Amino acid sequence: QVQLVESGGGLVQAGGSLTLSCAVSGVIYAMGWFRQAPGKERELVAALTRTGGFKSYGDSVKGRFTISRDNAKNTVALQMNSLRPEDTAIYYCAAGNFFPMAVSPTLSWGQGTQVTVSS
């Protein structure tokens, strides 16, 4: 059973930055971040493969967010810059064996961390 623990959420003003981190137990091929805002479906934010050779980003975060992973520490990070109020959501770390990643029952999920961007 893969376990994922997120950290780093919080409240930030529009235009600011936050970094999310996720610690993972076990060796996983693909890891990513998803988010879910109230009343909306969960959506992909960013994902990458184990070597980082393949990365994908949601259209709304391209150029602002960067995903990275440290395999020695079994962590994946999401650097979020130029944050906007519409980025407000619960952010979930996810792990799986397929890339590209999509919401699926086959993924393992963290508990989620709240990110709130004030205008």
C-alpha atoms as a PDB file:
ATOM      1  CA  GLN A   1       0.000   0.000   0.000  1.00  0.00           C
ATOM      2  CA  VAL A   2       1.539   3.285  -1.132  1.00  0.00           C
ATOM      3  CA  GLN A   3       1.290   6.118   1.362  1.00  0.00           C
ATOM      4  CA  LEU A   4       1.567   9.786   0.442  1.00  0.00           C
ATOM      5  CA  VAL A   5       1.795  12.710   2.844  1.00  0.00           C
ATOM      6  CA  GLU A   6       1.493  16.287   1.582  1.00  0.00           C
ATOM      7  CA  SER A   7       2.699  19.474   3.210  1.00  0.00           C
ATOM      8  CA  GLY A   8       3.111  23.133   2.353  1.00  0.00           C
ATOM      9  CA  GLY A   9      -0.384  24.427   1.728  1.00  0.00           C
ATOM     10  CA  GLY A  10      -1.683  27.673   3.151  1.00  0.00           C
ATOM     11  CA  LEU A  11      -2.957  31.169   2.476  1.00  0.00           C
ATOM     12  CA  VAL A  12      -1.161  33.466   0.060  1.00  0.00           C
ATOM     13  CA  GLN A  13      -1.971  36.705  -1.740  1.00  0.00           C
ATOM     14  CA  ALA A  14      -2.476  36.797  -5.478  1.00  0.00           C
ATOM     15  CA  GLY A  15       0.867  36.988  -7.261  1.00  0.00           C
ATOM     16  CA  GLY A  16       2.633  35.133  -4.477  1.00  0.00           C
ATOM     17  CA  SER A  17       4.295  31.727  -4.379  1.00  0.00           C
ATOM     18  CA  LEU A  18       3.938  28.461  -2.488  1.00  0.00           C
ATOM     19  CA  THR A  19       5.733  25.149  -2.617  1.00  0.00           C
ATOM     20  CA  LEU A  20       3.935  21.889  -1.943  1.00  0.00           C
ATOM     21  CA  SER A  21       5.823  18.739  -1.017  1.00  0.00           C
ATOM     22  CA  CYS A  22       4.755  15.108  -0.940  1.00  0.00           C
ATOM     23  CA  ALA A  23       6.600  12.236   0.730  1.00  0.00           C
ATOM     24  CA  VAL A  24       5.947   8.818  -0.782  1.00  0.00           C
ATOM     25  CA  SER A  25       6.555   5.340   0.565  1.00  0.00           C
ATOM     26  CA  GLY A  26       7.758   2.897  -2.078  1.00  0.00           C
ATOM     27  CA  VAL A  27       9.041   3.144  -5.629  1.00  0.00           C
ATOM     28  CA  ILE A  28       6.491   4.640  -7.990  1.00  0.00           C
ATOM     29  CA  TYR A  29       6.709   5.214 -11.745  1.00  0.00           C
ATOM     30  CA  ALA A  30       4.542   8.313 -12.100  1.00  0.00           C
ATOM     31  CA  MET A  31       3.707  11.007  -9.584  1.00  0.00           C
ATOM     32  CA  GLY A  32       1.623  14.090  -9.832  1.00  0.00           C
ATOM     33  CA  TRP A  33      -0.510  16.781  -8.296  1.00  0.00           C
ATOM     34  CA  PHE A  34      -4.225  17.181  -8.798  1.00  0.00           C
ATOM     35  CA  ARG A  35      -6.576  19.801  -7.380  1.00  0.00           C
ATOM     36  CA  GLN A  36     -10.256  20.110  -6.637  1.00  0.00           C
ATOM     37  CA  ALA A  37     -12.107  23.362  -6.082  1.00  0.00           C
ATOM     38  CA  PRO A  38     -15.574  23.494  -4.491  1.00  0.00           C
ATOM     39  CA  GLY A  39     -18.210  22.356  -6.939  1.00  0.00           C
ATOM     40  CA  LYS A  40     -15.677  21.308  -9.545  1.00  0.00           C
ATOM     41  CA  GLU A  41     -14.172  18.032 -10.674  1.00  0.00           C
ATOM     42  CA  ARG A  42     -10.689  16.985  -9.644  1.00  0.00           C
ATOM     43  CA  GLU A  43      -8.195  17.994 -12.335  1.00  0.00           C
ATOM     44  CA  LEU A  44      -4.588  17.349 -13.174  1.00  0.00           C
ATOM     45  CA  VAL A  45      -2.171  20.111 -12.216  1.00  0.00           C
ATOM     46  CA  ALA A  46       1.161  18.496 -13.079  1.00  0.00           C
ATOM     47  CA  ALA A  47       2.753  15.062 -13.325  1.00  0.00           C
ATOM     48  CA  LEU A  48       6.074  13.447 -14.154  1.00  0.00           C
ATOM     49  CA  THR A  49       7.704  10.066 -14.580  1.00  0.00           C
ATOM     50  CA  ARG A  50      10.290   8.580 -12.254  1.00  0.00           C
ATOM     51  CA  THR A  51      13.277   9.941 -14.165  1.00  0.00           C
ATOM     52  CA  GLY A  52      11.559  13.237 -14.872  1.00  0.00           C
ATOM     53  CA  GLY A  53      11.970  12.592 -18.568  1.00  0.00           C
ATOM     54  CA  PHE A  54       8.283  13.158 -19.204  1.00  0.00           C
ATOM     55  CA  LYS A  55       6.257  15.934 -17.620  1.00  0.00           C
ATOM     56  CA  SER A  56       2.767  17.235 -18.167  1.00  0.00           C
ATOM     57  CA  TYR A  57       0.940  20.333 -16.938  1.00  0.00           C
ATOM     58  CA  GLY A  58      -2.648  21.494 -16.910  1.00  0.00           C
ATOM     59  CA  ASP A  59      -3.220  24.325 -19.366  1.00  0.00           C
ATOM     60  CA  SER A  60      -4.124  26.819 -16.644  1.00  0.00           C
ATOM     61  CA  VAL A  61      -0.809  26.404 -14.790  1.00  0.00           C
ATOM     62  CA  LYS A  62       1.685  26.148 -17.653  1.00  0.00           C
ATOM     63  CA  GLY A  63       4.506  28.639 -17.217  1.00  0.00           C
ATOM     64  CA  ARG A  64       3.604  29.281 -13.566  1.00  0.00           C
ATOM     65  CA  PHE A  65       3.960  25.908 -11.831  1.00  0.00           C
ATOM     66  CA  THR A  66       6.917  23.520 -11.853  1.00  0.00           C
ATOM     67  CA  ILE A  67       6.899  19.895 -10.744  1.00  0.00           C
ATOM     68  CA  SER A  68      10.026  18.057  -9.639  1.00  0.00           C
ATOM     69  CA  ARG A  69      10.954  14.917  -7.750  1.00  0.00           C
ATOM     70  CA  ASP A  70      13.848  13.717  -5.613  1.00  0.00           C
ATOM     71  CA  ASN A  71      14.037   9.927  -5.931  1.00  0.00           C
ATOM     72  CA  ALA A  72      16.722   9.659  -3.250  1.00  0.00           C
ATOM     73  CA  LYS A  73      14.298  11.198  -0.761  1.00  0.00           C
ATOM     74  CA  ASN A  74      11.140   9.789  -2.368  1.00  0.00           C
ATOM     75  CA  THR A  75       9.534  13.201  -2.577  1.00  0.00           C
ATOM     76  CA  VAL A  76       7.766  15.212  -5.243  1.00  0.00           C
ATOM     77  CA  ALA A  77       7.391  18.984  -5.103  1.00  0.00           C
ATOM     78  CA  LEU A  78       5.172  21.535  -6.803  1.00  0.00           C
ATOM     79  CA  GLN A  79       6.536  25.063  -7.029  1.00  0.00           C
ATOM     80  CA  MET A  80       3.640  27.460  -7.625  1.00  0.00           C
ATOM     81  CA  ASN A  81       4.385  31.011  -8.750  1.00  0.00           C
ATOM     82  CA  SER A  82       2.176  33.919  -9.809  1.00  0.00           C
ATOM     83  CA  LEU A  83      -0.733  32.426  -7.914  1.00  0.00           C
ATOM     84  CA  ARG A  84      -4.263  33.522  -8.780  1.00  0.00           C
ATOM     85  CA  PRO A  85      -7.517  33.350  -6.812  1.00  0.00           C
ATOM     86  CA  GLU A  86      -8.722  30.680  -9.236  1.00  0.00           C
ATOM     87  CA  ASP A  87      -5.866  28.428  -8.055  1.00  0.00           C
ATOM     88  CA  THR A  88      -7.680  28.087  -4.735  1.00  0.00           C
ATOM     89  CA  ALA A  89      -8.407  24.403  -4.168  1.00  0.00           C
ATOM     90  CA  ILE A  90      -7.457  21.318  -2.228  1.00  0.00           C
ATOM     91  CA  TYR A  91      -4.296  19.932  -3.776  1.00  0.00           C
ATOM     92  CA  TYR A  92      -3.748  16.176  -3.785  1.00  0.00           C
ATOM     93  CA  CYS A  93      -0.556  14.261  -4.372  1.00  0.00           C
ATOM     94  CA  ALA A  94      -1.021  11.102  -6.421  1.00  0.00           C
ATOM     95  CA  ALA A  95       1.063   8.125  -7.460  1.00  0.00           C
ATOM     96  CA  GLY A  96       0.567   5.477 -10.103  1.00  0.00           C
ATOM     97  CA  ASN A  97       2.085   3.170 -12.662  1.00  0.00           C
ATOM     98  CA  PHE A  98       0.984   4.904 -15.849  1.00  0.00           C
ATOM     99  CA  PHE A  99       1.807   8.154 -17.624  1.00  0.00           C
ATOM    100  CA  PRO A 100       0.203  10.442 -18.573  1.00  0.00           C
ATOM    101  CA  MET A 101      -1.762  10.574 -15.363  1.00  0.00           C
ATOM    102  CA  ALA A 102      -5.491  11.046 -15.062  1.00  0.00           C
ATOM    103  CA  VAL A 103      -8.011  10.723 -12.260  1.00  0.00           C
ATOM    104  CA  SER A 104      -8.434   6.988 -11.804  1.00  0.00           C
ATOM    105  CA  PRO A 105      -9.297   4.426  -9.124  1.00  0.00           C
ATOM    106  CA  THR A 106      -5.856   2.892  -9.756  1.00  0.00           C
ATOM    107  CA  LEU A 107      -4.058   5.921  -8.304  1.00  0.00           C
ATOM    108  CA  SER A 108      -2.935   6.225  -4.703  1.00  0.00           C
ATOM    109  CA  TRP A 109      -3.853   9.559  -3.103  1.00  0.00           C
ATOM    110  CA  GLY A 110      -2.632  11.743  -0.300  1.00  0.00           C
ATOM    111  CA  GLN A 111      -5.012  13.355   2.176  1.00  0.00           C
ATOM    112  CA  GLY A 112      -4.906  16.729   0.438  1.00  0.00           C
ATOM    113  CA  THR A 113      -3.681  20.161   1.448  1.00  0.00           C
ATOM    114  CA  GLN A 114      -5.617  23.411   1.169  1.00  0.00           C
ATOM    115  CA  VAL A 115      -4.260  26.257  -0.945  1.00  0.00           C
ATOM    116  CA  THR A 116      -6.106  29.560  -0.698  1.00  0.00           C
ATOM    117  CA  VAL A 117      -5.180  32.558  -2.841  1.00  0.00           C
ATOM    118  CA  SER A 118      -6.671  35.866  -1.790  1.00  0.00           C
ATOM    119  CA  SER A 119      -7.272  38.716  -4.225  1.00  0.00           C
END
